[in-house]
PDB file of N, CA and C in Angstrom:
ATOM      1  N   MET A   1      17.251  -7.138 -15.233  1.00  0.00           N
ATOM      2  CA  MET A   1      16.269  -6.818 -14.219  1.00  0.00           C
ATOM      3  C   MET A   1      14.898  -6.753 -14.881  1.00  0.00           C
ATOM      4  N   PRO A   2      13.896  -7.379 -14.276  1.00  0.00           N
ATOM      5  CA  PRO A   2      12.559  -7.362 -14.873  1.00  0.00           C
ATOM      6  C   PRO A   2      11.935  -5.967 -14.799  1.00  0.00           C
ATOM      7  N   SER A   3      11.102  -5.673 -15.788  1.00  0.00           N
ATOM      8  CA  SER A   3      10.371  -4.402 -15.785  1.00  0.00           C
ATOM      9  C   SER A   3       9.321  -4.422 -14.694  1.00  0.00           C
ATOM     10  N   GLU A   4       9.023  -3.254 -14.189  1.00  0.00           N
ATOM     11  CA  GLU A   4       8.048  -3.157 -13.109  1.00  0.00           C
ATOM     12  C   GLU A   4       7.191  -1.916 -13.324  1.00  0.00           C
ATOM     13  N   ILE A   5       5.900  -2.068 -13.067  1.00  0.00           N
ATOM     14  CA  ILE A   5       4.972  -0.940 -13.137  1.00  0.00           C
ATOM     15  C   ILE A   5       4.243  -0.869 -11.807  1.00  0.00           C
ATOM     16  N   ARG A   6       4.223   0.322 -11.231  1.00  0.00           N
ATOM     17  CA  ARG A   6       3.459   0.560 -10.002  1.00  0.00           C
ATOM     18  C   ARG A   6       2.518   1.722 -10.256  1.00  0.00           C
ATOM     19  N   LEU A   7       1.311   1.590  -9.791  1.00  0.00           N
ATOM     20  CA  LEU A   7       0.309   2.638  -9.947  1.00  0.00           C
ATOM     21  C   LEU A   7      -0.133   3.099  -8.564  1.00  0.00           C
ATOM     22  N   TYR A   8      -0.209   4.412  -8.406  1.00  0.00           N
ATOM     23  CA  TYR A   8      -0.670   4.997  -7.150  1.00  0.00           C
ATOM     24  C   TYR A   8      -1.765   6.009  -7.456  1.00  0.00           C
ATOM     25  N   GLY A   9      -2.872   5.885  -6.788  1.00  0.00           N
ATOM     26  CA  GLY A   9      -3.915   6.907  -6.856  1.00  0.00           C
ATOM     27  C   GLY A   9      -3.705   7.856  -5.691  1.00  0.00           C
ATOM     28  N   LEU A  10      -3.792   9.145  -5.958  1.00  0.00           N
ATOM     29  CA  LEU A  10      -3.555  10.124  -4.900  1.00  0.00           C
ATOM     30  C   LEU A  10      -4.848  10.521  -4.211  1.00  0.00           C
ATOM     31  N   ASP A  11      -4.847  10.408  -2.898  1.00  0.00           N
ATOM     32  CA  ASP A  11      -5.949  10.922  -2.095  1.00  0.00           C
ATOM     33  C   ASP A  11      -5.690  12.407  -1.841  1.00  0.00           C
ATOM     34  N   GLY A  12      -6.729  13.112  -1.486  1.00  0.00           N
ATOM     35  CA  GLY A  12      -6.551  14.502  -1.088  1.00  0.00           C
ATOM     36  C   GLY A  12      -6.603  15.507  -2.217  1.00  0.00           C
ATOM     37  N   ILE A  13      -7.007  15.075  -3.411  1.00  0.00           N
ATOM     38  CA  ILE A  13      -7.175  16.022  -4.517  1.00  0.00           C
ATOM     39  C   ILE A  13      -8.564  16.645  -4.347  1.00  0.00           C
ATOM     40  N   PRO A  14      -8.625  17.960  -4.089  1.00  0.00           N
ATOM     41  CA  PRO A  14      -9.937  18.586  -3.908  1.00  0.00           C
ATOM     42  C   PRO A  14     -10.647  18.782  -5.246  1.00  0.00           C
ATOM     43  N   GLU A  15     -11.894  19.240  -5.182  1.00  0.00           N
ATOM     44  CA  GLU A  15     -12.612  19.619  -6.399  1.00  0.00           C
ATOM     45  C   GLU A  15     -11.828  20.756  -7.055  1.00  0.00           C
ATOM     46  N   VAL A  16     -11.463  20.577  -8.313  1.00  0.00           N
ATOM     47  CA  VAL A  16     -10.648  21.561  -9.022  1.00  0.00           C
ATOM     48  C   VAL A  16     -11.557  22.574  -9.705  1.00  0.00           C
ATOM     49  N   ARG A  17     -11.167  23.843  -9.590  1.00  0.00           N
ATOM     50  CA  ARG A  17     -11.947  24.940 -10.171  1.00  0.00           C
ATOM     51  C   ARG A  17     -11.063  25.746 -11.114  1.00  0.00           C
ATOM     52  N   PRO A  18     -11.684  26.521 -11.999  1.00  0.00           N
ATOM     53  CA  PRO A  18     -10.892  27.367 -12.907  1.00  0.00           C
ATOM     54  C   PRO A  18      -9.901  28.242 -12.135  1.00  0.00           C
ATOM     55  N   GLY A  19      -8.670  28.254 -12.620  1.00  0.00           N
ATOM     56  CA  GLY A  19      -7.622  29.061 -12.005  1.00  0.00           C
ATOM     57  C   GLY A  19      -6.829  28.360 -10.925  1.00  0.00           C
ATOM     58  N   ASP A  20      -7.243  27.158 -10.508  1.00  0.00           N
ATOM     59  CA  ASP A  20      -6.500  26.426  -9.478  1.00  0.00           C
ATOM     60  C   ASP A  20      -5.108  26.067  -9.987  1.00  0.00           C
ATOM     61  N   ASP A  21      -4.151  26.027  -9.077  1.00  0.00           N
ATOM     62  CA  ASP A  21      -2.764  25.689  -9.390  1.00  0.00           C
ATOM     63  C   ASP A  21      -2.587  24.175  -9.288  1.00  0.00           C
ATOM     64  N   LEU A  22      -2.655  23.505 -10.440  1.00  0.00           N
ATOM     65  CA  LEU A  22      -2.547  22.033 -10.431  1.00  0.00           C
ATOM     66  C   LEU A  22      -1.207  21.558  -9.899  1.00  0.00           C
ATOM     67  N   ASN A  23      -0.133  22.288 -10.188  1.00  0.00           N
ATOM     68  CA  ASN A  23       1.180  21.881  -9.670  1.00  0.00           C
ATOM     69  C   ASN A  23       1.161  21.826  -8.155  1.00  0.00           C
ATOM     70  N   ALA A  24       0.592  22.842  -7.535  1.00  0.00           N
ATOM     71  CA  ALA A  24       0.535  22.878  -6.072  1.00  0.00           C
ATOM     72  C   ALA A  24      -0.391  21.791  -5.531  1.00  0.00           C
ATOM     73  N   ILE A  25      -1.536  21.611  -6.164  1.00  0.00           N
ATOM     74  CA  ILE A  25      -2.495  20.596  -5.712  1.00  0.00           C
ATOM     75  C   ILE A  25      -1.875  19.204  -5.775  1.00  0.00           C
ATOM     76  N   ILE A  26      -1.250  18.889  -6.905  1.00  0.00           N
ATOM     77  CA  ILE A  26      -0.641  17.568  -7.078  1.00  0.00           C
ATOM     78  C   ILE A  26       0.569  17.415  -6.162  1.00  0.00           C
ATOM     79  N   GLY A  27       1.377  18.465  -6.051  1.00  0.00           N
ATOM     80  CA  GLY A  27       2.540  18.422  -5.155  1.00  0.00           C
ATOM     81  C   GLY A  27       2.137  18.175  -3.708  1.00  0.00           C
ATOM     82  N   ASP A  28       1.077  18.862  -3.265  1.00  0.00           N
ATOM     83  CA  ASP A  28       0.583  18.661  -1.896  1.00  0.00           C
ATOM     84  C   ASP A  28       0.076  17.238  -1.700  1.00  0.00           C
ATOM     85  N   ALA A  29      -0.625  16.704  -2.696  1.00  0.00           N
ATOM     86  CA  ALA A  29      -1.148  15.339  -2.599  1.00  0.00           C
ATOM     87  C   ALA A  29      -0.013  14.319  -2.574  1.00  0.00           C
ATOM     88  N   LEU A  30       1.018  14.540  -3.368  1.00  0.00           N
ATOM     89  CA  LEU A  30       2.184  13.646  -3.357  1.00  0.00           C
ATOM     90  C   LEU A  30       2.854  13.675  -1.982  1.00  0.00           C
ATOM     91  N   GLU A  31       3.034  14.879  -1.456  1.00  0.00           N
ATOM     92  CA  GLU A  31       3.672  15.019  -0.151  1.00  0.00           C
ATOM     93  C   GLU A  31       2.849  14.348   0.942  1.00  0.00           C
ATOM     94  N   ALA A  32       1.541  14.560   0.924  1.00  0.00           N
ATOM     95  CA  ALA A  32       0.662  13.947   1.921  1.00  0.00           C
ATOM     96  C   ALA A  32       0.682  12.423   1.834  1.00  0.00           C
ATOM     97  N   SER A  33       0.957  11.900   0.636  1.00  0.00           N
ATOM     98  CA  SER A  33       1.007  10.448   0.424  1.00  0.00           C
ATOM     99  C   SER A  33       2.407   9.879   0.627  1.00  0.00           C
ATOM    100  N   ASN A  34       3.352  10.740   1.021  1.00  0.00           N
ATOM    101  CA  ASN A  34       4.753  10.339   1.197  1.00  0.00           C
ATOM    102  C   ASN A  34       5.345   9.735  -0.070  1.00  0.00           C
ATOM    103  N   LEU A  35       4.988  10.327  -1.214  1.00  0.00           N
ATOM    104  CA  LEU A  35       5.527   9.882  -2.495  1.00  0.00           C
ATOM    105  C   LEU A  35       6.400  10.985  -3.082  1.00  0.00           C
ATOM    106  N   THR A  36       7.577  10.608  -3.552  1.00  0.00           N
ATOM    107  CA  THR A  36       8.484  11.552  -4.200  1.00  0.00           C
ATOM    108  C   THR A  36       8.821  11.013  -5.579  1.00  0.00           C
ATOM    109  N   PRO A  37       8.415  11.707  -6.641  1.00  0.00           N
ATOM    110  CA  PRO A  37       8.757  11.248  -7.986  1.00  0.00           C
ATOM    111  C   PRO A  37      10.284  11.239  -8.187  1.00  0.00           C
ATOM    112  N   LEU A  38      10.762  10.226  -8.862  1.00  0.00           N
ATOM    113  CA  LEU A  38      12.185  10.079  -9.161  1.00  0.00           C
ATOM    114  C   LEU A  38      12.405  10.266 -10.654  1.00  0.00           C
ATOM    115  N   ASP A  39      13.655  10.506 -11.034  1.00  0.00           N
ATOM    116  CA  ASP A  39      13.980  10.596 -12.464  1.00  0.00           C
ATOM    117  C   ASP A  39      13.472   9.352 -13.172  1.00  0.00           C
ATOM    118  N   GLY A  40      12.784   9.552 -14.284  1.00  0.00           N
ATOM    119  CA  GLY A  40      12.272   8.437 -15.065  1.00  0.00           C
ATOM    120  C   GLY A  40      10.839   8.058 -14.707  1.00  0.00           C
ATOM    121  N   ASP A  41      10.321   8.579 -13.596  1.00  0.00           N
ATOM    122  CA  ASP A  41       8.925   8.298 -13.238  1.00  0.00           C
ATOM    123  C   ASP A  41       7.994   9.028 -14.200  1.00  0.00           C
ATOM    124  N   VAL A  42       6.813   8.482 -14.365  1.00  0.00           N
ATOM    125  CA  VAL A  42       5.795   9.082 -15.236  1.00  0.00           C
ATOM    126  C   VAL A  42       4.597   9.445 -14.364  1.00  0.00           C
ATOM    127  N   LEU A  43       4.175  10.686 -14.464  1.00  0.00           N
ATOM    128  CA  LEU A  43       3.006  11.161 -13.732  1.00  0.00           C
ATOM    129  C   LEU A  43       1.889  11.378 -14.740  1.00  0.00           C
ATOM    130  N   VAL A  44       0.758  10.729 -14.516  1.00  0.00           N
ATOM    131  CA  VAL A  44      -0.369  10.826 -15.438  1.00  0.00           C
ATOM    132  C   VAL A  44      -1.443  11.697 -14.809  1.00  0.00           C
ATOM    133  N   VAL A  45      -1.880  12.700 -15.565  1.00  0.00           N
ATOM    134  CA  VAL A  45      -2.935  13.605 -15.119  1.00  0.00           C
ATOM    135  C   VAL A  45      -4.024  13.565 -16.183  1.00  0.00           C
ATOM    136  N   THR A  46      -5.258  13.388 -15.764  1.00  0.00           N
ATOM    137  CA  THR A  46      -6.342  13.283 -16.738  1.00  0.00           C
ATOM    138  C   THR A  46      -6.656  14.629 -17.379  1.00  0.00           C
ATOM    139  N   HIS A  47      -7.164  14.559 -18.582  1.00  0.00           N
ATOM    140  CA  HIS A  47      -7.562  15.754 -19.311  1.00  0.00           C
ATOM    141  C   HIS A  47      -8.657  16.497 -18.558  1.00  0.00           C
ATOM    142  N   LYS A  48      -9.526  15.758 -17.901  1.00  0.00           N
ATOM    143  CA  LYS A  48     -10.654  16.371 -17.188  1.00  0.00           C
ATOM    144  C   LYS A  48     -10.174  17.329 -16.104  1.00  0.00           C
ATOM    145  N   ILE A  49      -9.191  16.923 -15.307  1.00  0.00           N
ATOM    146  CA  ILE A  49      -8.726  17.792 -14.225  1.00  0.00           C
ATOM    147  C   ILE A  49      -8.005  19.019 -14.786  1.00  0.00           C
ATOM    148  N   VAL A  50      -7.293  18.844 -15.888  1.00  0.00           N
ATOM    149  CA  VAL A  50      -6.613  19.979 -16.524  1.00  0.00           C
ATOM    150  C   VAL A  50      -7.651  20.947 -17.073  1.00  0.00           C
ATOM    151  N   SER A  51      -8.671  20.433 -17.728  1.00  0.00           N
ATOM    152  CA  SER A  51      -9.727  21.282 -18.289  1.00  0.00           C
ATOM    153  C   SER A  51     -10.454  22.053 -17.197  1.00  0.00           C
ATOM    154  N   LYS A  52     -10.702  21.410 -16.066  1.00  0.00           N
ATOM    155  CA  LYS A  52     -11.401  22.086 -14.980  1.00  0.00           C
ATOM    156  C   LYS A  52     -10.581  23.238 -14.408  1.00  0.00           C
ATOM    157  N   ALA A  53      -9.262  23.120 -14.435  1.00  0.00           N
ATOM    158  CA  ALA A  53      -8.389  24.153 -13.877  1.00  0.00           C
ATOM    159  C   ALA A  53      -8.182  25.322 -14.837  1.00  0.00           C
ATOM    160  N   GLU A  54      -8.499  25.142 -16.102  1.00  0.00           N
ATOM    161  CA  GLU A  54      -8.275  26.210 -17.087  1.00  0.00           C
ATOM    162  C   GLU A  54      -9.271  27.326 -16.933  1.00  0.00           C
TER     163      GLU A  54
END
């Protein structure tokens, strides 16, 4: 079976502030986009959004 890569940008990510719950924000955005991560999927989160939430 050929390898396949799919990329999805999530809409609905608000401006992130210190103390925000990134898990909830990303989970809500995934749900709103009707996307469900499966075993083996890779989720990429930028350093910038993580730093803003710290």
